[in-house]
């Protein structure tokens, strides 16, 4: 999940925040 988010989210976002924002379906 963290990897997926880090790749999809911009560098400005943190892995944790991204995980919740762009959580895979």
Protein backbone atom coordinates (compact mmCIF):
# COMPACT_ATOMS: atom_id res chain seq x y z
CA UNK A 1 0.00 0.00 0.00
CA UNK A 2 2.76 2.41 0.94
CA UNK A 3 4.68 1.72 -2.27
CA UNK A 4 1.52 2.09 -4.37
CA UNK A 5 0.72 5.42 -2.74
CA UNK A 6 4.24 6.78 -2.95
CA UNK A 7 4.26 6.11 -6.68
CA UNK A 8 0.83 7.63 -7.31
CA UNK A 9 1.12 10.55 -4.88
CA UNK A 10 3.39 13.57 -5.43
CA UNK A 11 6.54 13.95 -3.27
CA UNK A 12 4.70 16.56 -1.20
CA UNK A 13 2.51 13.86 0.35
CA UNK A 14 3.62 11.33 2.94
CA UNK A 15 3.16 7.57 2.54
CA UNK A 16 0.62 7.50 5.38
CA UNK A 17 -1.49 10.36 4.01
CA UNK A 18 -1.29 8.97 0.49
CA UNK A 19 -2.41 5.57 1.67
CA UNK A 20 -5.66 7.07 2.92
CA UNK A 21 -6.06 9.49 0.01
CA UNK A 22 -5.35 7.10 -2.86
CA UNK A 23 -6.18 3.77 -1.26
CA UNK A 24 -6.56 1.10 -3.99
CA UNK A 25 -10.14 -0.22 -4.50
